Amino acid sequence: MNKVQFMEGLRAELAVLPVEERETALKYYEEYFADAGAENEQSVIAELGTPQIVANRIKGDFYGNNPSAGAPAAPPKASGMPLWLIVLIAVFAIPVGIPLAAGLFGALIGILAALFSVAVAVIVSGVSIFAAGIAAVVTGILMLAAEPLSGMLLGAAGLILIGVGMLITLAIIRLIPVFIRWVVKICKLPFRKRGAKV
């Protein structure tokens, strides 16, 4: 037997393995022969044994067992709970799981509605403060003829109210997209794949 015959026999014996595993093993032995050199071909074959023996070692490593020479490697055994036990647990979990899920969903909706209500209330407050500021400025301008000092003070207070109202309204309007992204992110959590970034 020469190197070509050995590699052909090994390829045939490893046909049961996935392509990537098979090609990795074949490449390793091609390099092994190349490192030894053509003059040491027979000593490498004598050292390794038959292609069947080498293939059984490779399959044993792949499947996690150590088959005897010439015996095909056994496929890996499935582990985990039996299907009937999974179904039984699911049936008994339904009376608890559905109300629990509904309660959690209701709580989440309640929290989101409360946050939305607070945001709307703050926006309305900001707009109200802004409107009060405009009214104070107009009233201050009208009072300038009769009582100049009171009119100027009222106008200045109105300008401050306009600034505060605009600041509150714009701040909340800026925060609404952040709030919506946060809500969407929370809603996606139950559906994301493990290890995936949200």
Foldseek 3Di string as FASTA:
>chain_A
DFPVVQLVLLLVLQVPPPPVLSVVVSVVVVVVDVVVPRVCGVVVCVVCDGSQQNNQCSLCVVQVHRDDGPDDDDHHDDDDDDPVVVVVVVVVCVVVVVVVVVVVVVVLVVVLVVVVVVLVVQLVVLVVLLVCLVVQLVVLVVCCVVDVVSSVVSNVSSVVSNVSSVVSNVVSVVCVVVSVVVSVVVVCVVVDDPPDDD
